[in-house]
Structures are given as C-alpha cells and as structure tokens.
Amino acid sequence: MSAATGSDTGGGRGQGGCGPGGGKGHDDLRARLTPLQYEVTQCGGTEPPFRNEYWDEHRDGIYVDVVDGTPLFSSRDKFDSGTGWPSFTRPLADEAVTLHGDRSHGMRRTEVRAARSGAHLGHVFPDGPPPTGLRYCMNSAALRFVPLEELEREGYGEYRRLFGAAEGAGGQGAAGQGVDGQRPGAKQP
C-alpha cells in the first residue's frame, strides 16, 4: 500500500509554486489547466461541494489525473457519500496514489495525491462502505472523466475489462486508516 509516504504537513501543496511564478513547469500547467484545476492540484485547494463536475456523475467509465492522464479511479468504486464530492471506495491501483498526513484547517486528515504527477486529489477517510470501509473524497477539478464508450479512443482500452465480463471485479485498491489510525472529523476532500 502506498500509505503515509509523506510526513504530517500544514496541508496541501500551498508552498510549492502556487503564487505568481512557480517556474517553467508551472507556467505549462497554468496554460493547460483551468484556474480551479490549478488551485486544487498544485495548491491543495478544495472546490465547493455539490457545485463541481463529477459529484453526481453516474455513467460507467474511469477518472484520470487531470494533470498527466494517469488512471486513478473507476465508476465501479464510486458511491454517493452525501458530501457533494465524488467519492470512491478505492483507487484503481494502490500505486496510483500516495497518502500524506495533513493537519491543515485545524483537522487531522489523510491527503491523497496522484503518485506520478504529485497532484493534490482530496482526502481519504475511514468511514466508507464495504468492501474497504474507506471514502476517497476527491475534487472533481483534479480529475477528468473518460466514459466507457470513449476508453478505447482515448487510449484506456485495457480498462474496458472492468465493465465487461469481469462483472464486479473492480480495481485492486488501497485499504487502511487515517493518519496514526485517527478518525478524521470532517467530511471534506
């Protein structure tokens, strides 16, 4: 499991290139991402609940990292958490995400980042449904949805198996508790 690879922090990625500047790589990201996508993925921001693109998305497909296109979550593992953010029981693969302690906003939470791009995705809480008991509460702005019918065309054809004969197979996701086994108190990404 790619758990708690970072130390407890003040939260998010607020120190790393969020203000003016940020270097050439951040200039490229600023040009490709919307201001909200940049704020969420690079600065550890949070989009408003119930006013985001995927909280109420019900089609079959996968969710990929908006920064680099890495497959992260499947609609098969998505559930309605009542929080207003897209929530999943697990990532497609443990290696797709990393978990980091987050003590921002007076809370103790576990931040979820995309392993390859380092993008802030949201937080994971130990109050989800079976089979994992986890709630990966993600920001829509950190994700791009690829519908089932477009998987092949977009280069994600290998993920069609999740929706075909392997009914209910789902991904092989992470399981575990929050930072130091503590139950986070707020339902926020």
N, C-alpha and C. Protein backbone atom coordinates (compact mmCIF):
# COMPACT_ATOMS: atom_id res chain seq x y z
N MET A 1 0.84 -1.18 0.00
CA MET A 1 0.00 0.00 0.00
C MET A 1 0.88 1.23 0.00
N SER A 2 0.51 2.24 -0.76
CA SER A 2 1.28 3.48 -0.84
C SER A 2 0.80 4.45 0.23
N ALA A 3 0.86 4.03 1.47
CA ALA A 3 0.31 4.85 2.54
C ALA A 3 1.35 5.72 3.20
N ALA A 4 0.89 6.88 3.67
CA ALA A 4 1.66 7.79 4.50
C ALA A 4 3.12 7.89 4.10
N THR A 5 3.36 8.16 2.83
CA THR A 5 4.73 8.28 2.36
C THR A 5 5.31 9.64 2.70
N GLY A 6 4.46 10.57 3.07
CA GLY A 6 4.93 11.89 3.46
C GLY A 6 4.75 12.06 4.95
N SER A 7 5.26 13.14 5.48
CA SER A 7 5.10 13.42 6.90
C SER A 7 3.90 14.32 7.11
N ASP A 8 3.51 14.48 8.38
CA ASP A 8 2.43 15.42 8.67
C ASP A 8 2.88 16.80 8.22
N THR A 9 1.99 17.48 7.54
CA THR A 9 2.32 18.80 7.00
C THR A 9 1.26 19.78 7.41
N GLY A 10 1.50 21.00 7.04
CA GLY A 10 0.50 22.04 7.23
C GLY A 10 -0.63 21.88 6.26
N GLY A 11 -0.50 20.94 5.34
CA GLY A 11 -1.59 20.62 4.44
C GLY A 11 -1.35 21.06 3.03
N GLY A 12 -1.92 20.34 2.11
CA GLY A 12 -1.92 20.68 0.71
C GLY A 12 -0.53 20.89 0.15
N ARG A 13 -0.46 21.73 -0.86
CA ARG A 13 0.79 21.98 -1.54
C ARG A 13 1.01 23.48 -1.63
N GLY A 14 0.50 24.20 -0.66
CA GLY A 14 0.49 25.65 -0.70
C GLY A 14 1.83 26.32 -0.85
N GLN A 15 2.93 25.65 -0.48
CA GLN A 15 4.22 26.29 -0.57
C GLN A 15 4.87 26.11 -1.94
N GLY A 16 4.39 25.20 -2.75
CA GLY A 16 5.11 24.80 -3.95
C GLY A 16 4.65 25.44 -5.23
N GLY A 17 4.87 26.71 -5.46
CA GLY A 17 4.60 27.32 -6.74
C GLY A 17 3.17 27.77 -6.93
N CYS A 18 2.45 28.10 -5.88
CA CYS A 18 1.05 28.48 -6.03
C CYS A 18 0.86 29.97 -6.27
N GLY A 19 1.79 30.74 -5.85
CA GLY A 19 1.70 32.18 -6.07
C GLY A 19 2.16 32.52 -7.47
N PRO A 20 2.44 33.78 -7.72
CA PRO A 20 2.99 34.17 -9.02
C PRO A 20 4.30 33.43 -9.25
N GLY A 21 4.56 33.11 -10.48
CA GLY A 21 5.81 32.40 -10.80
C GLY A 21 5.60 30.92 -10.70
N GLY A 22 6.53 30.24 -10.03
CA GLY A 22 6.42 28.81 -9.87
C GLY A 22 7.27 28.04 -10.87
N GLY A 23 7.97 28.73 -11.75
CA GLY A 23 8.86 28.05 -12.68
C GLY A 23 8.19 27.64 -13.97
N LYS A 24 9.01 27.20 -14.93
CA LYS A 24 8.54 26.84 -16.26
C LYS A 24 7.49 25.75 -16.24
N GLY A 25 7.69 24.71 -15.42
CA GLY A 25 6.72 23.63 -15.35
C GLY A 25 5.34 24.13 -14.93
N HIS A 26 5.34 25.08 -14.00
CA HIS A 26 4.07 25.62 -13.55
C HIS A 26 3.45 26.53 -14.59
N ASP A 27 4.26 27.20 -15.40
CA ASP A 27 3.73 28.01 -16.50
C ASP A 27 2.98 27.12 -17.48
N ASP A 28 3.57 25.95 -17.78
CA ASP A 28 2.92 25.00 -18.68
C ASP A 28 1.60 24.51 -18.09
N LEU A 29 1.60 24.19 -16.79
CA LEU A 29 0.38 23.74 -16.13
C LEU A 29 -0.68 24.83 -16.12
N ARG A 30 -0.27 26.06 -15.81
CA ARG A 30 -1.23 27.17 -15.80
C ARG A 30 -1.89 27.35 -17.16
N ALA A 31 -1.14 27.09 -18.23
CA ALA A 31 -1.69 27.23 -19.57
C ALA A 31 -2.67 26.09 -19.91
N ARG A 32 -2.42 24.88 -19.38
CA ARG A 32 -3.25 23.72 -19.69
C ARG A 32 -4.46 23.55 -18.79
N LEU A 33 -4.35 23.97 -17.53
CA LEU A 33 -5.41 23.76 -16.56
C LEU A 33 -6.25 25.02 -16.38
N THR A 34 -7.49 24.82 -15.94
CA THR A 34 -8.31 25.98 -15.56
C THR A 34 -7.75 26.54 -14.25
N PRO A 35 -8.09 27.78 -13.90
CA PRO A 35 -7.62 28.30 -12.62
C PRO A 35 -8.02 27.42 -11.43
N LEU A 36 -9.23 26.85 -11.44
CA LEU A 36 -9.66 25.98 -10.34
C LEU A 36 -8.85 24.68 -10.34
N GLN A 37 -8.63 24.08 -11.49
CA GLN A 37 -7.83 22.86 -11.56
C GLN A 37 -6.43 23.11 -11.02
N TYR A 38 -5.84 24.24 -11.36
CA TYR A 38 -4.50 24.57 -10.88
C TYR A 38 -4.52 24.77 -9.36
N GLU A 39 -5.49 25.52 -8.87
CA GLU A 39 -5.60 25.79 -7.43
C GLU A 39 -5.74 24.49 -6.64
N VAL A 40 -6.57 23.58 -7.12
CA VAL A 40 -6.78 22.32 -6.42
C VAL A 40 -5.56 21.42 -6.51
N THR A 41 -5.06 21.17 -7.71
CA THR A 41 -3.99 20.18 -7.88
C THR A 41 -2.62 20.66 -7.42
N GLN A 42 -2.34 21.94 -7.57
CA GLN A 42 -1.00 22.44 -7.25
C GLN A 42 -0.93 23.16 -5.91
N CYS A 43 -2.05 23.66 -5.44
CA CYS A 43 -2.06 24.45 -4.20
C CYS A 43 -2.83 23.78 -3.07
N GLY A 44 -3.37 22.59 -3.32
CA GLY A 44 -4.10 21.88 -2.29
C GLY A 44 -5.46 22.48 -1.99
N GLY A 45 -6.03 23.15 -2.97
CA GLY A 45 -7.34 23.78 -2.78
C GLY A 45 -8.47 22.77 -2.75
N THR A 46 -9.66 23.27 -2.42
CA THR A 46 -10.87 22.44 -2.39
C THR A 46 -11.98 23.16 -3.14
N GLU A 47 -12.61 22.47 -4.03
CA GLU A 47 -13.73 23.04 -4.77
C GLU A 47 -15.00 22.97 -3.91
N PRO A 48 -16.01 23.75 -4.25
CA PRO A 48 -17.25 23.72 -3.47
C PRO A 48 -18.01 22.40 -3.61
N PRO A 49 -18.61 21.92 -2.53
CA PRO A 49 -19.43 20.70 -2.63
C PRO A 49 -20.70 20.97 -3.43
N PHE A 50 -21.17 19.96 -4.11
CA PHE A 50 -22.41 19.99 -4.90
C PHE A 50 -22.36 20.97 -6.06
N ARG A 51 -21.26 21.68 -6.25
CA ARG A 51 -21.10 22.60 -7.37
C ARG A 51 -19.80 22.27 -8.09
N ASN A 52 -19.67 21.00 -8.45
CA ASN A 52 -18.49 20.55 -9.16
C ASN A 52 -18.92 19.52 -10.20
N GLU A 53 -18.06 19.22 -11.11
CA GLU A 53 -18.42 18.47 -12.30
C GLU A 53 -18.85 17.02 -12.08
N TYR A 54 -18.25 16.30 -11.14
CA TYR A 54 -18.47 14.86 -11.07
C TYR A 54 -19.18 14.35 -9.83
N TRP A 55 -19.61 15.20 -8.93
CA TRP A 55 -20.23 14.69 -7.70
C TRP A 55 -21.47 13.85 -8.00
N ASP A 56 -22.16 14.17 -9.10
CA ASP A 56 -23.40 13.49 -9.45
C ASP A 56 -23.29 12.74 -10.78
N GLU A 57 -22.07 12.36 -11.16
CA GLU A 57 -21.83 11.62 -12.41
C GLU A 57 -22.13 10.14 -12.17
N HIS A 58 -22.97 9.55 -13.01
CA HIS A 58 -23.37 8.15 -12.80
C HIS A 58 -23.04 7.22 -13.96
N ARG A 59 -22.39 7.71 -15.00
CA ARG A 59 -22.05 6.86 -16.14
C ARG A 59 -20.86 5.96 -15.79
N ASP A 60 -20.76 4.84 -16.53
CA ASP A 60 -19.60 3.96 -16.40
C ASP A 60 -18.40 4.61 -17.07
N GLY A 61 -17.24 4.44 -16.44
CA GLY A 61 -16.01 4.97 -17.00
C GLY A 61 -14.95 5.06 -15.92
N ILE A 62 -13.83 5.69 -16.28
CA ILE A 62 -12.75 5.87 -15.32
C ILE A 62 -12.45 7.35 -15.14
N TYR A 63 -11.81 7.64 -14.03
CA TYR A 63 -11.40 9.00 -13.70
C TYR A 63 -9.88 9.03 -13.73
N VAL A 64 -9.33 9.96 -14.52
CA VAL A 64 -7.88 10.05 -14.67
C VAL A 64 -7.39 11.37 -14.09
N ASP A 65 -6.11 11.41 -13.80
CA ASP A 65 -5.45 12.61 -13.28
C ASP A 65 -5.54 13.71 -14.34
N VAL A 66 -6.09 14.86 -13.99
CA VAL A 66 -6.23 15.96 -14.92
C VAL A 66 -4.86 16.51 -15.35
N VAL A 67 -3.84 16.28 -14.54
CA VAL A 67 -2.50 16.79 -14.84
C VAL A 67 -1.79 15.94 -15.88
N ASP A 68 -1.78 14.60 -15.71
CA ASP A 68 -1.00 13.78 -16.63
C ASP A 68 -1.75 12.58 -17.23
N GLY A 69 -3.03 12.42 -16.93
CA GLY A 69 -3.83 11.37 -17.56
C GLY A 69 -3.71 9.98 -16.94
N THR A 70 -3.00 9.86 -15.82
CA THR A 70 -2.87 8.55 -15.17
C THR A 70 -4.24 8.08 -14.67
N PRO A 71 -4.63 6.84 -14.99
CA PRO A 71 -5.90 6.31 -14.48
C PRO A 71 -5.85 6.21 -12.95
N LEU A 72 -6.89 6.72 -12.29
CA LEU A 72 -6.92 6.77 -10.82
C LEU A 72 -8.08 6.01 -10.20
N PHE A 73 -9.31 6.20 -10.71
CA PHE A 73 -10.50 5.62 -10.08
C PHE A 73 -11.45 5.10 -11.14
N SER A 74 -12.30 4.16 -10.73
CA SER A 74 -13.34 3.60 -11.59
C SER A 74 -14.71 3.98 -11.07
N SER A 75 -15.64 4.17 -11.99
CA SER A 75 -17.02 4.43 -11.58
C SER A 75 -17.60 3.23 -10.82
N ARG A 76 -17.03 2.04 -11.00
CA ARG A 76 -17.47 0.85 -10.27
C ARG A 76 -17.26 0.99 -8.77
N ASP A 77 -16.28 1.81 -8.39
CA ASP A 77 -15.95 2.01 -6.98
C ASP A 77 -16.48 3.34 -6.44
N LYS A 78 -17.29 4.03 -7.24
CA LYS A 78 -17.84 5.33 -6.84
C LYS A 78 -19.15 5.11 -6.08
N PHE A 79 -19.40 5.96 -5.08
CA PHE A 79 -20.65 5.87 -4.33
C PHE A 79 -21.08 7.27 -3.90
N ASP A 80 -22.34 7.41 -3.55
CA ASP A 80 -22.88 8.68 -3.09
C ASP A 80 -22.64 8.80 -1.60
N SER A 81 -21.69 9.64 -1.23
CA SER A 81 -21.32 9.81 0.18
C SER A 81 -22.15 10.89 0.86
N GLY A 82 -22.94 11.63 0.06
CA GLY A 82 -23.73 12.71 0.62
C GLY A 82 -22.93 13.97 0.92
N THR A 83 -21.66 13.98 0.51
CA THR A 83 -20.79 15.12 0.82
C THR A 83 -20.77 16.19 -0.28
N GLY A 84 -21.19 15.81 -1.50
CA GLY A 84 -21.15 16.75 -2.61
C GLY A 84 -19.86 16.70 -3.40
N TRP A 85 -18.99 15.72 -3.10
CA TRP A 85 -17.77 15.49 -3.88
C TRP A 85 -17.79 14.06 -4.37
N PRO A 86 -17.14 13.77 -5.50
CA PRO A 86 -17.07 12.37 -5.94
C PRO A 86 -16.30 11.55 -4.92
N SER A 87 -16.86 10.41 -4.53
CA SER A 87 -16.26 9.56 -3.51
C SER A 87 -16.12 8.14 -4.04
N PHE A 88 -15.01 7.50 -3.69
CA PHE A 88 -14.68 6.17 -4.17
C PHE A 88 -14.24 5.30 -2.99
N THR A 89 -14.44 3.99 -3.10
CA THR A 89 -14.00 3.08 -2.05
C THR A 89 -12.52 2.73 -2.16
N ARG A 90 -11.94 2.94 -3.35
CA ARG A 90 -10.54 2.60 -3.57
C ARG A 90 -10.06 3.17 -4.90
N PRO A 91 -8.74 3.31 -5.05
CA PRO A 91 -8.19 3.69 -6.36
C PRO A 91 -8.13 2.46 -7.26
N LEU A 92 -7.90 2.67 -8.54
CA LEU A 92 -7.74 1.56 -9.48
C LEU A 92 -6.56 0.68 -9.10
N ALA A 93 -5.49 1.28 -8.62
CA ALA A 93 -4.29 0.55 -8.20
C ALA A 93 -3.68 1.29 -7.01
N ASP A 94 -3.20 0.54 -6.04
CA ASP A 94 -2.56 1.16 -4.87
C ASP A 94 -1.47 2.13 -5.29
N GLU A 95 -0.71 1.76 -6.31
CA GLU A 95 0.43 2.55 -6.74
C GLU A 95 0.04 3.87 -7.41
N ALA A 96 -1.22 4.04 -7.73
CA ALA A 96 -1.67 5.25 -8.43
C ALA A 96 -1.72 6.47 -7.51
N VAL A 97 -1.81 6.25 -6.20
CA VAL A 97 -1.92 7.36 -5.26
C VAL A 97 -0.94 7.20 -4.11
N THR A 98 -0.64 8.32 -3.48
CA THR A 98 0.15 8.30 -2.24
C THR A 98 -0.65 9.03 -1.18
N LEU A 99 -0.43 8.65 0.06
CA LEU A 99 -1.15 9.23 1.19
C LEU A 99 -0.17 10.00 2.07
N HIS A 100 -0.64 11.16 2.56
CA HIS A 100 0.22 12.05 3.34
C HIS A 100 -0.58 12.63 4.50
N GLY A 101 0.04 12.74 5.66
CA GLY A 101 -0.60 13.38 6.79
C GLY A 101 -0.87 14.85 6.49
N ASP A 102 -2.01 15.33 6.94
CA ASP A 102 -2.42 16.72 6.69
C ASP A 102 -3.07 17.26 7.95
N ARG A 103 -2.46 18.27 8.54
CA ARG A 103 -3.00 18.89 9.76
C ARG A 103 -3.54 20.30 9.49
N SER A 104 -3.86 20.59 8.26
CA SER A 104 -4.36 21.93 7.91
C SER A 104 -5.77 22.14 8.43
N HIS A 105 -6.16 23.38 8.54
CA HIS A 105 -7.52 23.77 8.91
C HIS A 105 -7.94 23.22 10.27
N GLY A 106 -6.98 23.00 11.15
CA GLY A 106 -7.29 22.52 12.50
C GLY A 106 -7.81 21.09 12.56
N MET A 107 -7.58 20.31 11.48
CA MET A 107 -8.05 18.93 11.42
C MET A 107 -6.86 18.00 11.20
N ARG A 108 -7.07 16.75 11.50
CA ARG A 108 -6.08 15.71 11.22
C ARG A 108 -6.70 14.82 10.15
N ARG A 109 -6.15 14.91 8.94
CA ARG A 109 -6.70 14.16 7.81
C ARG A 109 -5.57 13.46 7.06
N THR A 110 -5.96 12.64 6.10
CA THR A 110 -5.00 11.99 5.23
C THR A 110 -5.22 12.49 3.82
N GLU A 111 -4.24 13.23 3.33
CA GLU A 111 -4.29 13.77 1.97
C GLU A 111 -3.98 12.68 0.96
N VAL A 112 -4.67 12.73 -0.19
CA VAL A 112 -4.42 11.82 -1.30
C VAL A 112 -3.84 12.63 -2.45
N ARG A 113 -2.70 12.16 -2.95
CA ARG A 113 -2.06 12.78 -4.12
C ARG A 113 -1.89 11.73 -5.21
N ALA A 114 -1.86 12.19 -6.44
CA ALA A 114 -1.53 11.31 -7.56
C ALA A 114 -0.05 10.97 -7.47
N ALA A 115 0.28 9.69 -7.52
CA ALA A 115 1.66 9.26 -7.32
C ALA A 115 2.61 9.81 -8.38
N ARG A 116 2.18 9.81 -9.63
CA ARG A 116 3.09 10.22 -10.71
C ARG A 116 3.23 11.73 -10.82
N SER A 117 2.13 12.46 -10.81
CA SER A 117 2.19 13.92 -11.01
C SER A 117 2.37 14.69 -9.70
N GLY A 118 2.03 14.06 -8.58
CA GLY A 118 2.09 14.75 -7.30
C GLY A 118 0.90 15.67 -7.07
N ALA A 119 -0.11 15.63 -7.95
CA ALA A 119 -1.27 16.50 -7.82
C ALA A 119 -2.09 16.18 -6.58
N HIS A 120 -2.54 17.21 -5.88
CA HIS A 120 -3.47 17.04 -4.76
C HIS A 120 -4.81 16.61 -5.36
N LEU A 121 -5.37 15.51 -4.83
CA LEU A 121 -6.64 14.99 -5.31
C LEU A 121 -7.77 15.23 -4.32
N GLY A 122 -7.49 15.08 -3.03
CA GLY A 122 -8.50 15.20 -1.99
C GLY A 122 -7.99 14.53 -0.73
N HIS A 123 -8.90 13.85 -0.01
CA HIS A 123 -8.54 13.18 1.25
C HIS A 123 -9.24 11.84 1.33
N VAL A 124 -8.71 10.95 2.16
CA VAL A 124 -9.33 9.65 2.40
C VAL A 124 -9.72 9.57 3.87
N PHE A 125 -10.90 9.00 4.10
CA PHE A 125 -11.46 8.88 5.45
C PHE A 125 -11.87 7.44 5.71
N PRO A 126 -11.80 6.99 6.95
CA PRO A 126 -12.17 5.60 7.28
C PRO A 126 -13.65 5.43 7.60
N ASP A 127 -14.52 6.08 6.82
CA ASP A 127 -15.95 5.98 7.08
C ASP A 127 -16.74 5.61 5.83
N GLY A 128 -16.10 4.89 4.92
CA GLY A 128 -16.76 4.50 3.69
C GLY A 128 -17.48 3.17 3.81
N PRO A 129 -18.16 2.77 2.75
CA PRO A 129 -18.89 1.50 2.74
C PRO A 129 -17.96 0.31 2.49
N PRO A 130 -18.48 -0.92 2.65
CA PRO A 130 -17.72 -2.10 2.28
C PRO A 130 -17.41 -2.04 0.77
N PRO A 131 -16.41 -2.66 0.26
CA PRO A 131 -15.62 -3.65 0.97
C PRO A 131 -14.40 -3.07 1.70
N THR A 132 -14.06 -1.82 1.49
CA THR A 132 -12.83 -1.28 2.09
C THR A 132 -13.07 -0.48 3.37
N GLY A 133 -14.27 0.06 3.53
CA GLY A 133 -14.54 0.93 4.67
C GLY A 133 -13.91 2.30 4.51
N LEU A 134 -13.43 2.60 3.30
CA LEU A 134 -12.77 3.88 3.04
C LEU A 134 -13.61 4.77 2.14
N ARG A 135 -13.41 6.07 2.30
CA ARG A 135 -14.06 7.07 1.45
C ARG A 135 -12.97 7.98 0.88
N TYR A 136 -12.60 7.73 -0.36
CA TYR A 136 -11.68 8.60 -1.07
C TYR A 136 -12.52 9.76 -1.60
N CYS A 137 -12.47 10.86 -0.91
CA CYS A 137 -13.29 12.04 -1.22
C CYS A 137 -12.44 12.97 -2.09
N MET A 138 -12.73 12.99 -3.39
CA MET A 138 -11.87 13.65 -4.36
C MET A 138 -12.48 14.95 -4.88
N ASN A 139 -11.63 15.82 -5.35
CA ASN A 139 -12.06 17.04 -6.02
C ASN A 139 -12.26 16.74 -7.50
N SER A 140 -13.41 17.08 -8.05
CA SER A 140 -13.65 16.91 -9.49
C SER A 140 -12.60 17.64 -10.31
N ALA A 141 -12.16 18.79 -9.83
CA ALA A 141 -11.19 19.61 -10.57
C ALA A 141 -9.85 18.90 -10.74
N ALA A 142 -9.58 17.87 -9.95
CA ALA A 142 -8.33 17.12 -10.07
C ALA A 142 -8.46 15.93 -11.01
N LEU A 143 -9.68 15.70 -11.49
CA LEU A 143 -9.97 14.51 -12.29
C LEU A 143 -10.51 14.87 -13.66
N ARG A 144 -10.38 13.92 -14.58
CA ARG A 144 -11.06 14.00 -15.87
C ARG A 144 -11.76 12.67 -16.06
N PHE A 145 -13.05 12.72 -16.36
CA PHE A 145 -13.84 11.51 -16.54
C PHE A 145 -13.73 11.04 -18.00
N VAL A 146 -13.46 9.76 -18.18
CA VAL A 146 -13.43 9.15 -19.51
C VAL A 146 -14.55 8.11 -19.54
N PRO A 147 -15.64 8.40 -20.27
CA PRO A 147 -16.77 7.46 -20.31
C PRO A 147 -16.38 6.13 -20.96
N LEU A 148 -17.06 5.08 -20.56
CA LEU A 148 -16.82 3.73 -21.06
C LEU A 148 -16.71 3.70 -22.58
N GLU A 149 -17.63 4.36 -23.26
CA GLU A 149 -17.65 4.30 -24.73
C GLU A 149 -16.47 5.03 -25.38
N GLU A 150 -15.71 5.79 -24.62
CA GLU A 150 -14.56 6.51 -25.17
C GLU A 150 -13.22 5.97 -24.68
N LEU A 151 -13.23 4.92 -23.85
CA LEU A 151 -11.99 4.39 -23.30
C LEU A 151 -11.00 4.00 -24.39
N GLU A 152 -11.46 3.24 -25.37
CA GLU A 152 -10.58 2.77 -26.45
C GLU A 152 -9.99 3.96 -27.22
N ARG A 153 -10.84 4.86 -27.62
CA ARG A 153 -10.41 6.02 -28.43
C ARG A 153 -9.39 6.88 -27.69
N GLU A 154 -9.53 6.97 -26.38
CA GLU A 154 -8.64 7.83 -25.59
C GLU A 154 -7.40 7.10 -25.08
N GLY A 155 -7.23 5.83 -25.47
CA GLY A 155 -6.03 5.10 -25.09
C GLY A 155 -6.12 4.37 -23.76
N TYR A 156 -7.34 4.18 -23.26
CA TYR A 156 -7.54 3.48 -21.99
C TYR A 156 -8.33 2.18 -22.19
N GLY A 157 -8.21 1.57 -23.37
CA GLY A 157 -8.98 0.38 -23.71
C GLY A 157 -8.81 -0.78 -22.74
N GLU A 158 -7.64 -0.89 -22.12
CA GLU A 158 -7.41 -2.00 -21.18
C GLU A 158 -8.37 -1.95 -19.99
N TYR A 159 -8.97 -0.79 -19.72
CA TYR A 159 -9.88 -0.66 -18.58
C TYR A 159 -11.31 -1.07 -18.90
N ARG A 160 -11.60 -1.40 -20.16
CA ARG A 160 -12.94 -1.88 -20.53
C ARG A 160 -13.29 -3.15 -19.76
N ARG A 161 -12.26 -3.94 -19.42
CA ARG A 161 -12.49 -5.20 -18.70
C ARG A 161 -13.21 -4.98 -17.37
N LEU A 162 -13.06 -3.81 -16.80
CA LEU A 162 -13.72 -3.51 -15.53
C LEU A 162 -15.24 -3.48 -15.66
N PHE A 163 -15.70 -3.29 -16.90
CA PHE A 163 -17.14 -3.11 -17.13
C PHE A 163 -17.74 -4.23 -17.97
N GLY A 164 -16.94 -5.23 -18.33
CA GLY A 164 -17.40 -6.31 -19.19
C GLY A 164 -17.70 -7.57 -18.41
N ALA A 165 -17.17 -8.68 -18.92
CA ALA A 165 -17.43 -10.00 -18.34
C ALA A 165 -16.94 -10.10 -16.91
N ALA A 166 -15.93 -9.32 -16.53
CA ALA A 166 -15.40 -9.35 -15.17
C ALA A 166 -16.31 -8.53 -14.26
N GLU A 167 -17.60 -8.78 -14.36
CA GLU A 167 -18.62 -8.06 -13.60
C GLU A 167 -18.27 -8.02 -12.12
N GLY A 168 -18.19 -6.82 -11.57
CA GLY A 168 -17.94 -6.66 -10.16
C GLY A 168 -16.48 -6.81 -9.76
N ALA A 169 -15.58 -6.99 -10.74
CA ALA A 169 -14.18 -7.17 -10.40
C ALA A 169 -13.58 -5.93 -9.78
N GLY A 170 -13.94 -4.77 -10.32
CA GLY A 170 -13.44 -3.52 -9.75
C GLY A 170 -11.94 -3.44 -9.79
N GLY A 171 -11.37 -2.42 -9.13
CA GLY A 171 -9.93 -2.25 -9.07
C GLY A 171 -9.37 -2.95 -7.85
N GLN A 172 -8.08 -2.99 -7.77
CA GLN A 172 -7.41 -3.53 -6.60
C GLN A 172 -6.92 -2.35 -5.79
N GLY A 173 -7.75 -1.83 -4.92
CA GLY A 173 -7.46 -0.58 -4.25
C GLY A 173 -6.83 -0.71 -2.90
N ALA A 174 -6.56 0.45 -2.31
CA ALA A 174 -5.90 0.54 -1.02
C ALA A 174 -6.90 0.36 0.11
N ALA A 175 -6.39 -0.05 1.25
CA ALA A 175 -7.21 -0.13 2.45
C ALA A 175 -6.36 0.32 3.62
N GLY A 176 -6.99 0.90 4.61
CA GLY A 176 -6.23 1.33 5.78
C GLY A 176 -6.94 2.41 6.53
N GLN A 177 -6.25 2.97 7.48
CA GLN A 177 -6.81 4.00 8.34
C GLN A 177 -6.21 5.35 8.01
N GLY A 178 -6.70 6.38 8.66
CA GLY A 178 -6.15 7.71 8.52
C GLY A 178 -4.82 7.82 9.23
N VAL A 179 -4.29 9.01 9.30
CA VAL A 179 -3.00 9.26 9.93
C VAL A 179 -3.02 8.74 11.37
N ASP A 180 -2.04 7.94 11.73
CA ASP A 180 -1.91 7.36 13.07
C ASP A 180 -3.18 6.65 13.52
N GLY A 181 -3.99 6.13 12.56
CA GLY A 181 -5.20 5.40 12.90
C GLY A 181 -6.32 6.27 13.44
N GLN A 182 -6.16 7.59 13.38
CA GLN A 182 -7.17 8.51 13.90
C GLN A 182 -8.30 8.67 12.89
N ARG A 183 -9.50 8.76 13.36
CA ARG A 183 -10.65 9.00 12.50
C ARG A 183 -10.78 10.50 12.28
N PRO A 184 -10.62 10.95 11.03
CA PRO A 184 -10.77 12.38 10.75
C PRO A 184 -12.18 12.84 11.08
N GLY A 185 -12.31 14.08 11.49
CA GLY A 185 -13.60 14.57 11.95
C GLY A 185 -14.47 15.22 10.93
N ALA A 186 -13.95 15.65 9.79
CA ALA A 186 -14.76 16.39 8.83
C ALA A 186 -14.87 15.62 7.53
N LYS A 187 -15.99 15.73 6.86
CA LYS A 187 -16.19 15.09 5.57
C LYS A 187 -15.86 16.10 4.48
N GLN A 188 -14.59 16.30 4.25
CA GLN A 188 -14.12 17.22 3.21
C GLN A 188 -13.05 16.55 2.39
N PRO A 189 -12.92 16.94 1.11
CA PRO A 189 -11.81 16.37 0.32
C PRO A 189 -10.51 17.02 0.70
